[in-house]
Amino acid sequence: MSEKVRSMFADIADDYDRINGILSFGIHNIWRKRTVLESGAKPGHRVLDCATGTGDLALEFKRAVGHEGYVMGTDFCKEMIEHAPDKAKDESLVVDFEVADAMDLPYEDDAFDITSIAFGIRNVDDPVVALKEMARVVRPGGRVVVLEFGQPEGIIQYPYKFYSKHVMPTVGGWISGNRDAYTYLPETSAKFPAGGKFLELMDQTESFASRKAIKLTGGIAYVYVGTVA
């Protein structure tokens, strides 16, 4: 992982949740619920959430798999993940959290039913390697699910580009004190392969029997689902 990216997330960790809620108008909560739905998570499933950040998607999965299921949330940034255990405790949810790199997961083959990553795959040094690792630790027939920003098309692209280029850096920078971080994040979203191009990255892993892309909010985000071969 890039030390620059790690340092950036460490710097904004304390304000991350509050800024996300403001900048997304809360719609990221709907996207996470859709991600869990598309994953097919059921009571008793074992789930690994990579790049868990402050743990929101991990907690959403725990609600789906129930007390008989198991959820582990990992992140490469210690300062981000330090916020997650208290959030789980506040909601009386039992979730394990530890620092780990999505490109080098310290877990055995076939250890989970589902692996996930939300708004993190574009920040790894090699997305194909991360996808391959996520598939490795999932049993055959299990799923890898990715929630990531896209590039919307049609009329929605114009207000979205303005918002990403001007509003996000201004608001995010003002609250966090780190304008560079909230300039970097939308810039990486604009450049990262989305839709069919991301499915091509999944194909490069040779790990999936099938894969699909689900467009959210006009292409502002996508959920990608790969069934492990």
C-alpha atoms as a PDB file:
ATOM      1  CA  MET A   1       0.000   0.000   0.000  1.00  0.00           C
ATOM      2  CA  SER A   2       1.140   3.512  -0.722  1.00  0.00           C
ATOM      3  CA  GLU A   3       2.362   5.220   2.445  1.00  0.00           C
ATOM      4  CA  LYS A   4       0.980   8.483   1.080  1.00  0.00           C
ATOM      5  CA  VAL A   5      -2.550   7.038   0.925  1.00  0.00           C
ATOM      6  CA  ARG A   6      -2.206   5.467   4.369  1.00  0.00           C
ATOM      7  CA  SER A   7      -1.083   8.796   5.833  1.00  0.00           C
ATOM      8  CA  MET A   8      -3.928  10.655   4.124  1.00  0.00           C
ATOM      9  CA  PHE A   9      -6.587   8.382   5.608  1.00  0.00           C
ATOM     10  CA  ALA A  10      -4.939   8.554   9.021  1.00  0.00           C
ATOM     11  CA  ASP A  11      -5.152  12.341   8.884  1.00  0.00           C
ATOM     12  CA  ILE A  12      -8.886  12.452   8.105  1.00  0.00           C
ATOM     13  CA  ALA A  13      -9.945   9.446  10.224  1.00  0.00           C
ATOM     14  CA  ASP A  14     -11.532  11.435  13.065  1.00  0.00           C
ATOM     15  CA  ASP A  15     -13.813  13.386  10.712  1.00  0.00           C
ATOM     16  CA  TYR A  16     -14.360  10.673   8.090  1.00  0.00           C
ATOM     17  CA  ASP A  17     -17.869   9.539   9.069  1.00  0.00           C
ATOM     18  CA  ARG A  18     -19.227  13.031   9.579  1.00  0.00           C
ATOM     19  CA  ILE A  19     -17.890  14.281   6.230  1.00  0.00           C
ATOM     20  CA  ASN A  20     -19.170  11.214   4.371  1.00  0.00           C
ATOM     21  CA  GLY A  21     -22.646  11.772   5.738  1.00  0.00           C
ATOM     22  CA  ILE A  22     -22.631  15.407   4.683  1.00  0.00           C
ATOM     23  CA  LEU A  23     -21.121  14.943   1.225  1.00  0.00           C
ATOM     24  CA  SER A  24     -23.248  11.927   0.251  1.00  0.00           C
ATOM     25  CA  PHE A  25     -26.491  13.257   1.772  1.00  0.00           C
ATOM     26  CA  GLY A  26     -26.717   9.856   3.452  1.00  0.00           C
ATOM     27  CA  ILE A  27     -27.104   7.930   0.205  1.00  0.00           C
ATOM     28  CA  HIS A  28     -23.996   5.863   0.977  1.00  0.00           C
ATOM     29  CA  ASN A  29     -26.095   4.071   3.612  1.00  0.00           C
ATOM     30  CA  ILE A  30     -28.523   2.942   0.899  1.00  0.00           C
ATOM     31  CA  TRP A  31     -25.618   1.796  -1.284  1.00  0.00           C
ATOM     32  CA  ARG A  32     -24.204  -0.318   1.543  1.00  0.00           C
ATOM     33  CA  LYS A  33     -27.546  -2.002   2.153  1.00  0.00           C
ATOM     34  CA  ARG A  34     -27.785  -2.801  -1.578  1.00  0.00           C
ATOM     35  CA  THR A  35     -24.252  -4.242  -1.483  1.00  0.00           C
ATOM     36  CA  VAL A  36     -25.179  -6.621   1.331  1.00  0.00           C
ATOM     37  CA  LEU A  37     -28.379  -7.595  -0.500  1.00  0.00           C
ATOM     38  CA  GLU A  38     -26.489  -8.364  -3.721  1.00  0.00           C
ATOM     39  CA  SER A  39     -23.916 -10.409  -1.792  1.00  0.00           C
ATOM     40  CA  GLY A  40     -26.547 -12.960  -0.828  1.00  0.00           C
ATOM     41  CA  ALA A  41     -25.440 -12.842   2.806  1.00  0.00           C
ATOM     42  CA  LYS A  42     -27.486 -15.169   5.002  1.00  0.00           C
ATOM     43  CA  PRO A  43     -27.578 -16.005   8.719  1.00  0.00           C
ATOM     44  CA  GLY A  44     -24.555 -18.103   9.600  1.00  0.00           C
ATOM     45  CA  HIS A  45     -22.317 -16.840   6.789  1.00  0.00           C
ATOM     46  CA  ARG A  46     -18.698 -15.860   7.394  1.00  0.00           C
ATOM     47  CA  VAL A  47     -17.777 -12.459   5.920  1.00  0.00           C
ATOM     48  CA  LEU A  48     -14.500 -10.597   5.485  1.00  0.00           C
ATOM     49  CA  ASP A  49     -14.843  -6.863   4.829  1.00  0.00           C
ATOM     50  CA  CYS A  50     -11.607  -5.389   3.444  1.00  0.00           C
ATOM     51  CA  ALA A  51     -10.775  -1.671   3.629  1.00  0.00           C
ATOM     52  CA  THR A  52     -13.503  -1.499   6.242  1.00  0.00           C
ATOM     53  CA  GLY A  53     -12.538   2.014   7.331  1.00  0.00           C
ATOM     54  CA  THR A  54     -14.604   2.840  10.400  1.00  0.00           C
ATOM     55  CA  GLY A  55     -16.580  -0.380   9.976  1.00  0.00           C
ATOM     56  CA  ASP A  56     -19.921   0.624   8.474  1.00  0.00           C
ATOM     57  CA  LEU A  57     -20.142  -2.135   5.856  1.00  0.00           C
ATOM     58  CA  ALA A  58     -18.871  -4.744   8.312  1.00  0.00           C
ATOM     59  CA  LEU A  59     -21.664  -3.777  10.703  1.00  0.00           C
ATOM     60  CA  GLU A  60     -24.233  -3.973   7.911  1.00  0.00           C
ATOM     61  CA  PHE A  61     -23.046  -7.493   7.120  1.00  0.00           C
ATOM     62  CA  LYS A  62     -23.244  -8.487  10.782  1.00  0.00           C
ATOM     63  CA  ARG A  63     -26.901  -7.491  10.839  1.00  0.00           C
ATOM     64  CA  ALA A  64     -27.450  -9.800   7.861  1.00  0.00           C
ATOM     65  CA  VAL A  65     -25.521 -12.869   9.094  1.00  0.00           C
ATOM     66  CA  GLY A  66     -26.829 -12.667  12.651  1.00  0.00           C
ATOM     67  CA  HIS A  67     -25.314 -13.886  15.888  1.00  0.00           C
ATOM     68  CA  GLU A  68     -24.601 -17.290  14.354  1.00  0.00           C
ATOM     69  CA  GLY A  69     -22.558 -15.672  11.562  1.00  0.00           C
ATOM     70  CA  TYR A  70     -19.097 -14.135  11.734  1.00  0.00           C
ATOM     71  CA  VAL A  71     -17.723 -10.865  10.373  1.00  0.00           C
ATOM     72  CA  MET A  72     -14.110  -9.687  10.290  1.00  0.00           C
ATOM     73  CA  GLY A  73     -13.324  -6.118   9.207  1.00  0.00           C
ATOM     74  CA  THR A  74      -9.802  -5.237   8.084  1.00  0.00           C
ATOM     75  CA  ASP A  75      -8.091  -2.044   6.987  1.00  0.00           C
ATOM     76  CA  PHE A  76      -4.518  -1.050   6.153  1.00  0.00           C
ATOM     77  CA  CYS A  77      -4.884   2.194   8.133  1.00  0.00           C
ATOM     78  CA  LYS A  78      -4.772   1.684  11.910  1.00  0.00           C
ATOM     79  CA  GLU A  79      -6.132   5.155  12.647  1.00  0.00           C
ATOM     80  CA  MET A  80      -9.269   4.496  10.583  1.00  0.00           C
ATOM     81  CA  ILE A  81     -10.082   1.081  11.990  1.00  0.00           C
ATOM     82  CA  GLU A  82      -9.567   2.222  15.586  1.00  0.00           C
ATOM     83  CA  HIS A  83     -13.011   3.865  15.370  1.00  0.00           C
ATOM     84  CA  ALA A  84     -14.777   0.635  14.368  1.00  0.00           C
ATOM     85  CA  PRO A  85     -14.897  -1.407  17.616  1.00  0.00           C
ATOM     86  CA  ASP A  86     -16.727   1.331  19.530  1.00  0.00           C
ATOM     87  CA  LYS A  87     -19.315   1.628  16.745  1.00  0.00           C
ATOM     88  CA  ALA A  88     -19.924  -2.118  16.916  1.00  0.00           C
ATOM     89  CA  LYS A  89     -20.188  -1.981  20.703  1.00  0.00           C
ATOM     90  CA  ASP A  90     -22.664   0.903  20.554  1.00  0.00           C
ATOM     91  CA  GLU A  91     -24.943  -1.239  18.380  1.00  0.00           C
ATOM     92  CA  SER A  92     -24.360  -4.408  20.438  1.00  0.00           C
ATOM     93  CA  LEU A  93     -22.848  -6.133  17.384  1.00  0.00           C
ATOM     94  CA  VAL A  94     -19.967  -8.597  17.745  1.00  0.00           C
ATOM     95  CA  VAL A  95     -17.481  -7.949  14.930  1.00  0.00           C
ATOM     96  CA  ASP A  96     -13.730  -8.527  14.912  1.00  0.00           C
ATOM     97  CA  PHE A  97     -11.414  -5.878  13.476  1.00  0.00           C
ATOM     98  CA  GLU A  98      -7.721  -5.977  12.642  1.00  0.00           C
ATOM     99  CA  VAL A  99      -5.153  -4.232  10.487  1.00  0.00           C
ATOM    100  CA  ALA A 100      -4.471  -6.100   7.228  1.00  0.00           C
ATOM    101  CA  ASP A 101      -3.621  -5.338   3.604  1.00  0.00           C
ATOM    102  CA  ALA A 102      -6.184  -6.377   0.978  1.00  0.00           C
ATOM    103  CA  MET A 103      -3.334  -7.359  -1.334  1.00  0.00           C
ATOM    104  CA  ASP A 104      -1.859  -9.779   1.208  1.00  0.00           C
ATOM    105  CA  LEU A 105      -4.634 -11.179   3.375  1.00  0.00           C
ATOM    106  CA  PRO A 106      -3.442 -13.241   6.374  1.00  0.00           C
ATOM    107  CA  TYR A 107      -6.224 -15.829   6.089  1.00  0.00           C
ATOM    108  CA  GLU A 108      -6.440 -19.385   4.805  1.00  0.00           C
ATOM    109  CA  ASP A 109      -7.958 -20.376   1.466  1.00  0.00           C
ATOM    110  CA  ASP A 110     -11.748 -20.879   1.454  1.00  0.00           C
ATOM    111  CA  ALA A 111     -12.114 -19.367   4.950  1.00  0.00           C
ATOM    112  CA  PHE A 112     -15.122 -17.137   4.166  1.00  0.00           C
ATOM    113  CA  ASP A 113     -18.445 -17.237   2.326  1.00  0.00           C
ATOM    114  CA  ILE A 114     -18.171 -13.588   1.238  1.00  0.00           C
ATOM    115  CA  THR A 115     -15.479 -10.953   0.969  1.00  0.00           C
ATOM    116  CA  SER A 116     -16.282  -7.305   0.372  1.00  0.00           C
ATOM    117  CA  ILE A 117     -14.643  -3.948  -0.154  1.00  0.00           C
ATOM    118  CA  ALA A 118     -16.391  -0.577  -0.306  1.00  0.00           C
ATOM    119  CA  PHE A 119     -14.733   2.507  -1.791  1.00  0.00           C
ATOM    120  CA  GLY A 120     -11.326   0.941  -1.255  1.00  0.00           C
ATOM    121  CA  ILE A 121     -10.405  -1.053  -4.346  1.00  0.00           C
ATOM    122  CA  ARG A 122      -9.297   2.079  -6.210  1.00  0.00           C
ATOM    123  CA  ASN A 123      -6.826   2.882  -3.427  1.00  0.00           C
ATOM    124  CA  VAL A 124      -4.848  -0.371  -3.540  1.00  0.00           C
ATOM    125  CA  ASP A 125      -1.629  -0.512  -5.532  1.00  0.00           C
ATOM    126  CA  ASP A 126      -2.912  -3.336  -7.772  1.00  0.00           C
ATOM    127  CA  PRO A 127      -6.689  -3.969  -7.870  1.00  0.00           C
ATOM    128  CA  VAL A 128      -6.260  -7.284  -9.714  1.00  0.00           C
ATOM    129  CA  VAL A 129      -4.015  -8.634  -6.956  1.00  0.00           C
ATOM    130  CA  ALA A 130      -6.495  -7.500  -4.302  1.00  0.00           C
ATOM    131  CA  LEU A 131      -9.424  -9.109  -6.135  1.00  0.00           C
ATOM    132  CA  LYS A 132      -7.457 -12.330  -6.492  1.00  0.00           C
ATOM    133  CA  GLU A 133      -6.660 -12.344  -2.770  1.00  0.00           C
ATOM    134  CA  MET A 134     -10.287 -11.663  -1.894  1.00  0.00           C
ATOM    135  CA  ALA A 135     -11.354 -14.583  -4.085  1.00  0.00           C
ATOM    136  CA  ARG A 136      -8.677 -16.870  -2.643  1.00  0.00           C
ATOM    137  CA  VAL A 137     -10.072 -16.667   0.881  1.00  0.00           C
ATOM    138  CA  VAL A 138     -13.646 -17.345  -0.287  1.00  0.00           C
ATOM    139  CA  ARG A 139     -14.980 -20.866  -0.738  1.00  0.00           C
ATOM    140  CA  PRO A 140     -15.976 -22.017  -4.253  1.00  0.00           C
ATOM    141  CA  GLY A 141     -19.464 -20.686  -4.976  1.00  0.00           C
ATOM    142  CA  GLY A 142     -19.017 -17.847  -2.500  1.00  0.00           C
ATOM    143  CA  ARG A 143     -18.972 -14.227  -3.559  1.00  0.00           C
ATOM    144  CA  VAL A 144     -16.674 -11.254  -3.771  1.00  0.00           C
ATOM    145  CA  VAL A 145     -18.588  -7.957  -3.697  1.00  0.00           C
ATOM    146  CA  VAL A 146     -17.187  -4.529  -4.486  1.00  0.00           C
ATOM    147  CA  LEU A 147     -18.889  -1.169  -3.948  1.00  0.00           C
ATOM    148  CA  GLU A 148     -17.081   1.616  -5.766  1.00  0.00           C
ATOM    149  CA  PHE A 149     -17.671   4.983  -7.376  1.00  0.00           C
ATOM    150  CA  GLY A 150     -18.215   5.179 -11.126  1.00  0.00           C
ATOM    151  CA  GLN A 151     -18.490   7.901 -13.729  1.00  0.00           C
ATOM    152  CA  PRO A 152     -22.150   8.751 -14.394  1.00  0.00           C
ATOM    153  CA  GLU A 153     -23.261   9.400 -17.952  1.00  0.00           C
ATOM    154  CA  GLY A 154     -26.028  11.526 -19.428  1.00  0.00           C
ATOM    155  CA  ILE A 155     -27.252  14.755 -17.911  1.00  0.00           C
ATOM    156  CA  ILE A 156     -26.339  13.724 -14.358  1.00  0.00           C
ATOM    157  CA  GLN A 157     -22.631  13.793 -15.194  1.00  0.00           C
ATOM    158  CA  TYR A 158     -22.498  17.598 -15.332  1.00  0.00           C
ATOM    159  CA  PRO A 159     -23.719  18.463 -11.826  1.00  0.00           C
ATOM    160  CA  TYR A 160     -21.794  15.457 -10.494  1.00  0.00           C
ATOM    161  CA  LYS A 161     -18.497  16.634 -12.007  1.00  0.00           C
ATOM    162  CA  PHE A 162     -19.007  20.131 -10.634  1.00  0.00           C
ATOM    163  CA  TYR A 163     -19.863  18.747  -7.206  1.00  0.00           C
ATOM    164  CA  SER A 164     -16.837  16.423  -7.187  1.00  0.00           C
ATOM    165  CA  LYS A 165     -14.368  19.008  -8.420  1.00  0.00           C
ATOM    166  CA  HIS A 166     -15.486  22.017  -6.394  1.00  0.00           C
ATOM    167  CA  VAL A 167     -17.898  21.195  -3.563  1.00  0.00           C
ATOM    168  CA  MET A 168     -16.251  18.063  -2.154  1.00  0.00           C
ATOM    169  CA  PRO A 169     -12.757  19.568  -1.779  1.00  0.00           C
ATOM    170  CA  THR A 170     -14.180  22.759  -0.279  1.00  0.00           C
ATOM    171  CA  VAL A 171     -16.494  21.147   2.266  1.00  0.00           C
ATOM    172  CA  GLY A 172     -14.260  18.163   3.032  1.00  0.00           C
ATOM    173  CA  GLY A 173     -11.203  20.370   3.325  1.00  0.00           C
ATOM    174  CA  TRP A 174     -12.958  22.869   5.564  1.00  0.00           C
ATOM    175  CA  ILE A 175     -14.154  20.230   8.045  1.00  0.00           C
ATOM    176  CA  SER A 176     -11.078  17.972   8.037  1.00  0.00           C
ATOM    177  CA  GLY A 177      -8.388  20.580   7.455  1.00  0.00           C
ATOM    178  CA  ASN A 178      -7.062  18.424   4.608  1.00  0.00           C
ATOM    179  CA  ARG A 179      -8.252  19.755   1.261  1.00  0.00           C
ATOM    180  CA  ASP A 180      -5.753  17.582  -0.599  1.00  0.00           C
ATOM    181  CA  ALA A 181      -7.480  14.423   0.640  1.00  0.00           C
ATOM    182  CA  TYR A 182     -10.866  15.549  -0.654  1.00  0.00           C
ATOM    183  CA  THR A 183      -9.298  16.530  -3.947  1.00  0.00           C
ATOM    184  CA  TYR A 184      -7.521  13.180  -4.280  1.00  0.00           C
ATOM    185  CA  LEU A 185     -10.589  11.047  -3.533  1.00  0.00           C
ATOM    186  CA  PRO A 186     -12.862  12.371  -6.328  1.00  0.00           C
ATOM    187  CA  GLU A 187      -9.910  12.470  -8.747  1.00  0.00           C
ATOM    188  CA  THR A 188      -9.238   8.761  -8.217  1.00  0.00           C
ATOM    189  CA  SER A 189     -12.947   8.039  -8.670  1.00  0.00           C
ATOM    190  CA  ALA A 190     -12.972   9.861 -12.003  1.00  0.00           C
ATOM    191  CA  LYS A 191     -10.027   7.842 -13.322  1.00  0.00           C
ATOM    192  CA  PHE A 192     -10.811   4.382 -11.956  1.00  0.00           C
ATOM    193  CA  PRO A 193     -12.250   1.732 -14.332  1.00  0.00           C
ATOM    194  CA  ALA A 194     -16.010   1.455 -13.888  1.00  0.00           C
ATOM    195  CA  GLY A 195     -18.797  -0.717 -15.260  1.00  0.00           C
ATOM    196  CA  GLY A 196     -17.583  -3.026 -18.004  1.00  0.00           C
ATOM    197  CA  LYS A 197     -13.983  -1.921 -17.543  1.00  0.00           C
ATOM    198  CA  PHE A 198     -13.995  -3.076 -13.946  1.00  0.00           C
ATOM    199  CA  LEU A 199     -15.485  -6.411 -14.992  1.00  0.00           C
ATOM    200  CA  GLU A 200     -12.456  -6.788 -17.250  1.00  0.00           C
ATOM    201  CA  LEU A 201     -10.231  -6.412 -14.179  1.00  0.00           C
ATOM    202  CA  MET A 202     -12.220  -9.166 -12.495  1.00  0.00           C
ATOM    203  CA  ASP A 203     -11.714 -11.362 -15.551  1.00  0.00           C
ATOM    204  CA  GLN A 204      -7.952 -10.874 -15.329  1.00  0.00           C
ATOM    205  CA  THR A 205      -7.925 -12.663 -11.968  1.00  0.00           C
ATOM    206  CA  GLU A 206      -9.282 -15.868 -13.538  1.00  0.00           C
ATOM    207  CA  SER A 207     -10.985 -16.412 -10.175  1.00  0.00           C
ATOM    208  CA  PHE A 208     -14.664 -16.001 -11.010  1.00  0.00           C
ATOM    209  CA  ALA A 209     -17.178 -18.356 -12.585  1.00  0.00           C
ATOM    210  CA  SER A 210     -19.453 -15.367 -13.209  1.00  0.00           C
ATOM    211  CA  ARG A 211     -19.534 -11.654 -12.480  1.00  0.00           C
ATOM    212  CA  LYS A 212     -21.922  -8.758 -12.888  1.00  0.00           C
ATOM    213  CA  ALA A 213     -22.145  -4.993 -12.392  1.00  0.00           C
ATOM    214  CA  ILE A 214     -25.137  -3.235 -10.846  1.00  0.00           C
ATOM    215  CA  LYS A 215     -25.408   0.487 -11.559  1.00  0.00           C
ATOM    216  CA  LEU A 216     -26.476   2.706  -8.656  1.00  0.00           C
ATOM    217  CA  THR A 217     -27.831   6.257  -8.797  1.00  0.00           C
ATOM    218  CA  GLY A 218     -27.248   6.728 -12.514  1.00  0.00           C
ATOM    219  CA  GLY A 219     -23.725   5.299 -12.398  1.00  0.00           C
ATOM    220  CA  ILE A 220     -22.392   7.418  -9.527  1.00  0.00           C
ATOM    221  CA  ALA A 221     -21.586   4.074  -7.905  1.00  0.00           C
ATOM    222  CA  TYR A 222     -21.594   0.392  -8.837  1.00  0.00           C
ATOM    223  CA  VAL A 223     -21.875  -2.883  -7.003  1.00  0.00           C
ATOM    224  CA  TYR A 224     -19.797  -5.640  -8.587  1.00  0.00           C
ATOM    225  CA  VAL A 225     -20.477  -9.269  -7.684  1.00  0.00           C
ATOM    226  CA  GLY A 226     -18.188 -12.141  -8.582  1.00  0.00           C
ATOM    227  CA  THR A 227     -19.030 -15.783  -7.863  1.00  0.00           C
ATOM    228  CA  VAL A 228     -15.824 -17.612  -6.999  1.00  0.00           C
ATOM    229  CA  ALA A 229     -14.948 -20.543  -9.267  1.00  0.00           C
END
